C-alpha atoms as a PDB file:
ATOM      1  CA  UNK A   1     -44.458  10.600 -31.944  1.00  0.00           C
ATOM      2  CA  UNK A   2     -44.913  11.372 -28.232  1.00  0.00           C
ATOM      3  CA  UNK A   3     -44.338   8.890 -25.758  1.00  0.00           C
ATOM      4  CA  UNK A   4     -45.563   8.920 -22.358  1.00  0.00           C
ATOM      5  CA  UNK A   5     -42.570  10.288 -20.589  1.00  0.00           C
ATOM      6  CA  UNK A   6     -43.318  12.939 -22.491  1.00  0.00           C
ATOM      7  CA  UNK A   7     -46.097  13.970 -20.794  1.00  0.00           C
ATOM      8  CA  UNK A   8     -44.690  13.124 -17.445  1.00  0.00           C
ATOM      9  CA  UNK A   9     -41.848  15.717 -18.020  1.00  0.00           C
ATOM     10  CA  UNK A  10     -44.590  18.331 -19.084  1.00  0.00           C
ATOM     11  CA  UNK A  11     -46.340  17.829 -16.023  1.00  0.00           C
ATOM     12  CA  UNK A  12     -43.194  17.944 -14.036  1.00  0.00           C
ATOM     13  CA  UNK A  13     -42.779  21.488 -15.690  1.00  0.00           C
ATOM     14  CA  UNK A  14     -46.210  22.551 -14.666  1.00  0.00           C
ATOM     15  CA  UNK A  15     -45.192  21.367 -11.081  1.00  0.00           C
ATOM     16  CA  UNK A  16     -42.207  23.132 -10.896  1.00  0.00           C
ATOM     17  CA  UNK A  17     -43.999  26.008 -11.730  1.00  0.00           C
ATOM     18  CA  UNK A  18     -41.812  29.137 -12.938  1.00  0.00           C
ATOM     19  CA  UNK A  19     -38.743  27.962 -11.111  1.00  0.00           C
ATOM     20  CA  UNK A  20     -35.712  27.868 -13.934  1.00  0.00           C
ATOM     21  CA  UNK A  21     -35.115  24.219 -14.850  1.00  0.00           C
ATOM     22  CA  UNK A  22     -31.845  22.238 -16.266  1.00  0.00           C
ATOM     23  CA  UNK A  23     -31.754  19.258 -18.131  1.00  0.00           C
ATOM     24  CA  UNK A  24     -29.281  17.606 -15.539  1.00  0.00           C
ATOM     25  CA  UNK A  25     -31.950  18.775 -12.827  1.00  0.00           C
ATOM     26  CA  UNK A  26     -35.001  17.274 -14.543  1.00  0.00           C
ATOM     27  CA  UNK A  27     -32.934  13.955 -15.302  1.00  0.00           C
ATOM     28  CA  UNK A  28     -32.133  13.506 -11.663  1.00  0.00           C
ATOM     29  CA  UNK A  29     -35.679  14.626 -10.424  1.00  0.00           C
ATOM     30  CA  UNK A  30     -37.807  12.389 -13.088  1.00  0.00           C
ATOM     31  CA  UNK A  31     -35.556   9.454 -12.568  1.00  0.00           C
ATOM     32  CA  UNK A  32     -34.581   9.739 -16.085  1.00  0.00           C
ATOM     33  CA  UNK A  33     -31.169   9.965 -18.057  1.00  0.00           C
ATOM     34  CA  UNK A  34     -30.168  13.244 -19.543  1.00  0.00           C
ATOM     35  CA  UNK A  35     -30.635  11.843 -22.581  1.00  0.00           C
ATOM     36  CA  UNK A  36     -34.238  10.863 -22.307  1.00  0.00           C
ATOM     37  CA  UNK A  37     -35.083  14.499 -21.092  1.00  0.00           C
ATOM     38  CA  UNK A  38     -33.728  16.122 -24.348  1.00  0.00           C
ATOM     39  CA  UNK A  39     -35.534  13.508 -26.363  1.00  0.00           C
ATOM     40  CA  UNK A  40     -38.573  13.823 -24.775  1.00  0.00           C
ATOM     41  CA  UNK A  41     -38.832  17.795 -24.711  1.00  0.00           C
ATOM     42  CA  UNK A  42     -37.228  17.889 -28.261  1.00  0.00           C
ATOM     43  CA  UNK A  43     -40.850  15.691 -29.018  1.00  0.00           C
ATOM     44  CA  UNK A  44     -43.155  17.469 -26.829  1.00  0.00           C
ATOM     45  CA  UNK A  45     -41.644  21.020 -28.651  1.00  0.00           C
ATOM     46  CA  UNK A  46     -42.117  18.964 -32.016  1.00  0.00           C
ATOM     47  CA  UNK A  47     -45.734  18.250 -30.901  1.00  0.00           C
ATOM     48  CA  UNK A  48     -46.558  21.860 -30.456  1.00  0.00           C
ATOM     49  CA  UNK A  49     -47.015  21.336 -26.493  1.00  0.00           C
ATOM     50  CA  UNK A  50     -43.962  23.095 -25.516  1.00  0.00           C
ATOM     51  CA  UNK A  51     -42.060  25.796 -26.682  1.00  0.00           C
ATOM     52  CA  UNK A  52     -38.557  25.970 -25.869  1.00  0.00           C
ATOM     53  CA  UNK A  53     -36.070  28.934 -26.151  1.00  0.00           C
ATOM     54  CA  UNK A  54     -33.311  30.041 -24.333  1.00  0.00           C
ATOM     55  CA  UNK A  55     -33.149  27.145 -22.248  1.00  0.00           C
ATOM     56  CA  UNK A  56     -36.638  27.627 -20.986  1.00  0.00           C
ATOM     57  CA  UNK A  57     -39.605  25.514 -21.611  1.00  0.00           C
ATOM     58  CA  UNK A  58     -43.211  26.389 -21.657  1.00  0.00           C
ATOM     59  CA  UNK A  59     -45.830  23.949 -21.735  1.00  0.00           C
ATOM     60  CA  UNK A  60     -49.093  24.883 -24.146  1.00  0.00           C
ATOM     61  CA  UNK A  61     -51.619  25.062 -21.699  1.00  0.00           C
ATOM     62  CA  UNK A  62     -54.528  24.350 -23.874  1.00  0.00           C
ATOM     63  CA  UNK A  63     -52.744  21.754 -25.934  1.00  0.00           C
ATOM     64  CA  UNK A  64     -51.522  19.625 -22.634  1.00  0.00           C
ATOM     65  CA  UNK A  65     -55.547  20.075 -21.868  1.00  0.00           C
ATOM     66  CA  UNK A  66     -56.977  18.770 -25.034  1.00  0.00           C
ATOM     67  CA  UNK A  67     -54.376  15.634 -24.579  1.00  0.00           C
ATOM     68  CA  UNK A  68     -54.648  14.837 -20.886  1.00  0.00           C
ATOM     69  CA  UNK A  69     -58.647  15.510 -21.405  1.00  0.00           C
ATOM     70  CA  UNK A  70     -59.627  13.578 -24.173  1.00  0.00           C
ATOM     71  CA  UNK A  71     -56.479  11.627 -25.639  1.00  0.00           C
ATOM     72  CA  UNK A  72     -54.309  10.008 -22.619  1.00  0.00           C
ATOM     73  CA  UNK A  73     -56.730   7.271 -21.905  1.00  0.00           C
ATOM     74  CA  UNK A  74     -57.147   6.050 -25.259  1.00  0.00           C
ATOM     75  CA  UNK A  75     -53.257   6.622 -26.568  1.00  0.00           C
ATOM     76  CA  UNK A  76     -51.979   5.187 -22.910  1.00  0.00           C
ATOM     77  CA  UNK A  77     -54.587   3.209 -21.479  1.00  0.00           C
ATOM     78  CA  UNK A  78     -53.328   1.399 -18.206  1.00  0.00           C
ATOM     79  CA  UNK A  79     -51.707  -1.732 -17.886  1.00  0.00           C
ATOM     80  CA  UNK A  80     -53.723  -3.703 -14.971  1.00  0.00           C
ATOM     81  CA  UNK A  81     -52.961  -6.392 -12.536  1.00  0.00           C
ATOM     82  CA  UNK A  82     -53.835  -8.463  -9.651  1.00  0.00           C
ATOM     83  CA  UNK A  83     -53.626  -7.379  -6.087  1.00  0.00           C
ATOM     84  CA  UNK A  84     -50.078  -6.187  -4.877  1.00  0.00           C
ATOM     85  CA  UNK A  85     -48.995  -3.916  -2.197  1.00  0.00           C
ATOM     86  CA  UNK A  86     -48.306  -0.208  -3.602  1.00  0.00           C
ATOM     87  CA  UNK A  87     -48.912   3.538  -3.686  1.00  0.00           C
ATOM     88  CA  UNK A  88     -52.757   4.502  -4.156  1.00  0.00           C
ATOM     89  CA  UNK A  89     -53.313   6.481  -7.757  1.00  0.00           C
ATOM     90  CA  UNK A  90     -56.370   7.534  -9.362  1.00  0.00           C
ATOM     91  CA  UNK A  91     -59.474   7.840  -7.367  1.00  0.00           C
ATOM     92  CA  UNK A  92     -57.775   6.272  -4.374  1.00  0.00           C
ATOM     93  CA  UNK A  93     -55.248   8.839  -3.741  1.00  0.00           C
ATOM     94  CA  UNK A  94     -55.837  11.282  -1.050  1.00  0.00           C
ATOM     95  CA  UNK A  95     -55.977  14.466  -3.747  1.00  0.00           C
ATOM     96  CA  UNK A  96     -59.344  12.777  -4.882  1.00  0.00           C
ATOM     97  CA  UNK A  97     -60.220  10.354  -2.250  1.00  0.00           C
ATOM     98  CA  UNK A  98     -61.411  13.193   0.069  1.00  0.00           C
ATOM     99  CA  UNK A  99     -63.830  14.258  -2.714  1.00  0.00           C
ATOM    100  CA  UNK A 100     -65.386  11.190  -3.648  1.00  0.00           C
ATOM    101  CA  UNK A 101     -67.812   8.663  -2.094  1.00  0.00           C
ATOM    102  CA  UNK A 102     -65.896   5.614  -0.397  1.00  0.00           C
ATOM    103  CA  UNK A 103     -65.791   2.838  -2.474  1.00  0.00           C
ATOM    104  CA  UNK A 104     -65.774  -1.240  -1.712  1.00  0.00           C
ATOM    105  CA  UNK A 105     -63.508  -1.855  -4.605  1.00  0.00           C
ATOM    106  CA  UNK A 106     -59.797  -2.371  -3.904  1.00  0.00           C
ATOM    107  CA  UNK A 107     -58.094   0.505  -4.807  1.00  0.00           C
ATOM    108  CA  UNK A 108     -55.789   0.830  -7.548  1.00  0.00           C
ATOM    109  CA  UNK A 109     -52.064   1.508  -6.618  1.00  0.00           C
ATOM    110  CA  UNK A 110     -48.498   1.914  -8.363  1.00  0.00           C
ATOM    111  CA  UNK A 111     -46.932  -1.685  -7.664  1.00  0.00           C
ATOM    112  CA  UNK A 112     -44.169  -0.898  -4.634  1.00  0.00           C
ATOM    113  CA  UNK A 113     -43.138  -3.368  -2.232  1.00  0.00           C
ATOM    114  CA  UNK A 114     -42.713  -0.960   0.266  1.00  0.00           C
ATOM    115  CA  UNK A 115     -46.344   0.325  -0.309  1.00  0.00           C
ATOM    116  CA  UNK A 116     -48.139   0.918   2.770  1.00  0.00           C
ATOM    117  CA  UNK A 117     -51.661  -0.269   0.916  1.00  0.00           C
ATOM    118  CA  UNK A 118     -52.746  -3.307  -0.629  1.00  0.00           C
ATOM    119  CA  UNK A 119     -54.717  -2.759  -4.040  1.00  0.00           C
ATOM    120  CA  UNK A 120     -54.923  -3.856  -7.790  1.00  0.00           C
ATOM    121  CA  UNK A 121     -51.696  -2.882  -9.792  1.00  0.00           C
ATOM    122  CA  UNK A 122     -52.177  -0.169 -11.923  1.00  0.00           C
ATOM    123  CA  UNK A 123     -49.283   0.450 -14.161  1.00  0.00           C
ATOM    124  CA  UNK A 124     -47.807   4.075 -14.219  1.00  0.00           C
ATOM    125  CA  UNK A 125     -47.759   6.835 -17.403  1.00  0.00           C
ATOM    126  CA  UNK A 126     -43.878   6.167 -16.893  1.00  0.00           C
ATOM    127  CA  UNK A 127     -41.787   3.607 -15.024  1.00  0.00           C
ATOM    128  CA  UNK A 128     -39.548   5.832 -13.301  1.00  0.00           C
ATOM    129  CA  UNK A 129     -42.735   8.137 -12.107  1.00  0.00           C
ATOM    130  CA  UNK A 130     -43.427   6.573  -8.678  1.00  0.00           C
ATOM    131  CA  UNK A 131     -39.456   7.786  -7.838  1.00  0.00           C
ATOM    132  CA  UNK A 132     -40.356  10.931  -9.542  1.00  0.00           C
ATOM    133  CA  UNK A 133     -43.501  11.264  -7.657  1.00  0.00           C
ATOM    134  CA  UNK A 134     -41.824  10.518  -4.039  1.00  0.00           C
ATOM    135  CA  UNK A 135     -39.434  13.764  -4.871  1.00  0.00           C
ATOM    136  CA  UNK A 136     -41.845  15.840  -5.716  1.00  0.00           C
ATOM    137  CA  UNK A 137     -45.473  15.776  -4.007  1.00  0.00           C
ATOM    138  CA  UNK A 138     -46.992  18.634  -6.453  1.00  0.00           C
ATOM    139  CA  UNK A 139     -46.031  15.979  -9.308  1.00  0.00           C
ATOM    140  CA  UNK A 140     -47.383  13.465  -7.448  1.00  0.00           C
ATOM    141  CA  UNK A 141     -50.645  14.657  -7.511  1.00  0.00           C
ATOM    142  CA  UNK A 142     -50.854  15.688 -10.994  1.00  0.00           C
ATOM    143  CA  UNK A 143     -49.679  11.984 -12.186  1.00  0.00           C
ATOM    144  CA  UNK A 144     -52.736  10.665 -10.198  1.00  0.00           C
ATOM    145  CA  UNK A 145     -55.285  12.745 -11.503  1.00  0.00           C
ATOM    146  CA  UNK A 146     -54.164  11.932 -15.044  1.00  0.00           C
ATOM    147  CA  UNK A 147     -54.348   8.280 -13.914  1.00  0.00           C
ATOM    148  CA  UNK A 148     -57.775   8.859 -12.810  1.00  0.00           C
ATOM    149  CA  UNK A 149     -58.562  10.128 -16.263  1.00  0.00           C
ATOM    150  CA  UNK A 150     -57.197   7.061 -17.933  1.00  0.00           C
ATOM    151  CA  UNK A 151     -58.476   4.320 -15.730  1.00  0.00           C
ATOM    152  CA  UNK A 152     -60.945   5.939 -13.152  1.00  0.00           C
ATOM    153  CA  UNK A 153     -64.600   5.422 -13.114  1.00  0.00           C
ATOM    154  CA  UNK A 154     -66.843   8.221 -14.775  1.00  0.00           C
ATOM    155  CA  UNK A 155     -67.377  10.366 -11.565  1.00  0.00           C
ATOM    156  CA  UNK A 156     -63.789  10.115 -10.653  1.00  0.00           C
ATOM    157  CA  UNK A 157     -62.643  11.108 -14.388  1.00  0.00           C
ATOM    158  CA  UNK A 158     -65.022  13.862 -14.054  1.00  0.00           C
ATOM    159  CA  UNK A 159     -63.936  15.193 -10.786  1.00  0.00           C
ATOM    160  CA  UNK A 160     -60.009  14.763 -12.041  1.00  0.00           C
ATOM    161  CA  UNK A 161     -60.575  16.868 -15.074  1.00  0.00           C
ATOM    162  CA  UNK A 162     -62.046  19.286 -13.067  1.00  0.00           C
ATOM    163  CA  UNK A 163     -58.937  19.249 -10.526  1.00  0.00           C
ATOM    164  CA  UNK A 164     -56.268  19.279 -13.478  1.00  0.00           C
ATOM    165  CA  UNK A 165     -57.868  22.385 -15.142  1.00  0.00           C
ATOM    166  CA  UNK A 166     -57.355  23.867 -11.774  1.00  0.00           C
ATOM    167  CA  UNK A 167     -53.367  22.996 -12.123  1.00  0.00           C
ATOM    168  CA  UNK A 168     -53.183  23.695 -15.854  1.00  0.00           C
ATOM    169  CA  UNK A 169     -55.065  27.067 -15.734  1.00  0.00           C
ATOM    170  CA  UNK A 170     -57.248  26.065 -18.459  1.00  0.00           C
ATOM    171  CA  UNK A 171     -60.221  26.438 -15.881  1.00  0.00           C
ATOM    172  CA  UNK A 172     -59.011  30.587 -15.977  1.00  0.00           C
ATOM    173  CA  UNK A 173     -56.642  30.159 -13.133  1.00  0.00           C
ATOM    174  CA  UNK A 174     -53.399  28.072 -12.313  1.00  0.00           C
ATOM    175  CA  UNK A 175     -49.587  28.454 -12.908  1.00  0.00           C
ATOM    176  CA  UNK A 176     -48.846  27.926 -16.511  1.00  0.00           C
ATOM    177  CA  UNK A 177     -49.587  31.966 -17.022  1.00  0.00           C
ATOM    178  CA  UNK A 178     -47.383  32.601 -14.301  1.00  0.00           C
ATOM    179  CA  UNK A 179     -44.836  30.591 -15.620  1.00  0.00           C
ATOM    180  CA  UNK A 180     -44.986  32.535 -19.186  1.00  0.00           C
ATOM    181  CA  UNK A 181     -44.323  36.059 -17.088  1.00  0.00           C
ATOM    182  CA  UNK A 182     -41.677  34.470 -14.768  1.00  0.00           C
ATOM    183  CA  UNK A 183     -39.794  33.546 -18.158  1.00  0.00           C
ATOM    184  CA  UNK A 184     -40.292  36.859 -19.627  1.00  0.00           C
ATOM    185  CA  UNK A 185     -38.832  38.299 -16.752  1.00  0.00           C
ATOM    186  CA  UNK A 186     -35.798  36.148 -16.187  1.00  0.00           C
ATOM    187  CA  UNK A 187     -35.071  36.653 -19.840  1.00  0.00           C
ATOM    188  CA  UNK A 188     -34.720  40.093 -19.093  1.00  0.00           C
ATOM    189  CA  UNK A 189     -32.592  39.739 -16.255  1.00  0.00           C
ATOM    190  CA  UNK A 190     -30.418  37.479 -17.820  1.00  0.00           C
ATOM    191  CA  UNK A 191     -29.201  39.480 -20.749  1.00  0.00           C
ATOM    192  CA  UNK A 192     -25.775  40.453 -19.753  1.00  0.00           C
ATOM    193  CA  UNK A 193     -22.971  42.198 -21.709  1.00  0.00           C
ATOM    194  CA  UNK A 194     -20.044  39.827 -22.881  1.00  0.00           C
ATOM    195  CA  UNK A 195     -16.116  41.230 -22.588  1.00  0.00           C
ATOM    196  CA  UNK A 196     -16.726  42.765 -26.562  1.00  0.00           C
ATOM    197  CA  UNK A 197     -19.575  45.511 -25.019  1.00  0.00           C
ATOM    198  CA  UNK A 198     -21.823  43.270 -27.303  1.00  0.00           C
ATOM    199  CA  UNK A 199     -25.200  41.722 -25.346  1.00  0.00           C
ATOM    200  CA  UNK A 200     -25.491  38.180 -24.910  1.00  0.00           C
ATOM    201  CA  UNK A 201     -28.173  35.642 -23.605  1.00  0.00           C
ATOM    202  CA  UNK A 202     -27.472  33.248 -21.085  1.00  0.00           C
ATOM    203  CA  UNK A 203     -29.126  29.870 -21.798  1.00  0.00           C
ATOM    204  CA  UNK A 204     -30.262  27.777 -18.844  1.00  0.00           C
ATOM    205  CA  UNK A 205     -28.740  24.204 -19.405  1.00  0.00           C
END
């Protein structure tokens, strides 16, 4: 069964684009253990949301779109709290706030004592995502778009879906097709000849 950290890992792969990755690298960037990354990618693969082959992982754009747009707010609805210091998310995050009319309501924030904004606590999709977001601004944008879908008002959800689909490529543009093409090129480049004259495949681990 999928867990929320598995979705976060898929979003990280979208954020990275066609860049090669390793389990240890993903673990550090995501604030997870290597075993969490291994297990999460295995579950994503078993669910049909990720193709793993020769150390590469390519998210299935259509499947990820369906899960995020139609399922995530029911499966992992946000846990909310009172007023805290934090980092804006959902409709209050810059990627969406500039596209929406201003609101007099307190913003949704990921709790963070060092956060610059006071707002209503909104639990992130996974506990380490505030750390991961600081290390990767593209991932940060994807996560706050998903938060708007999870718990934002209808207008914010509509805009977030459009912005998310632009990034997934399910609007006919985006990065996942580039990932697939780059994976094919990289696979061809990393074929090499071993000491016995036999071709072998180098796996990114």
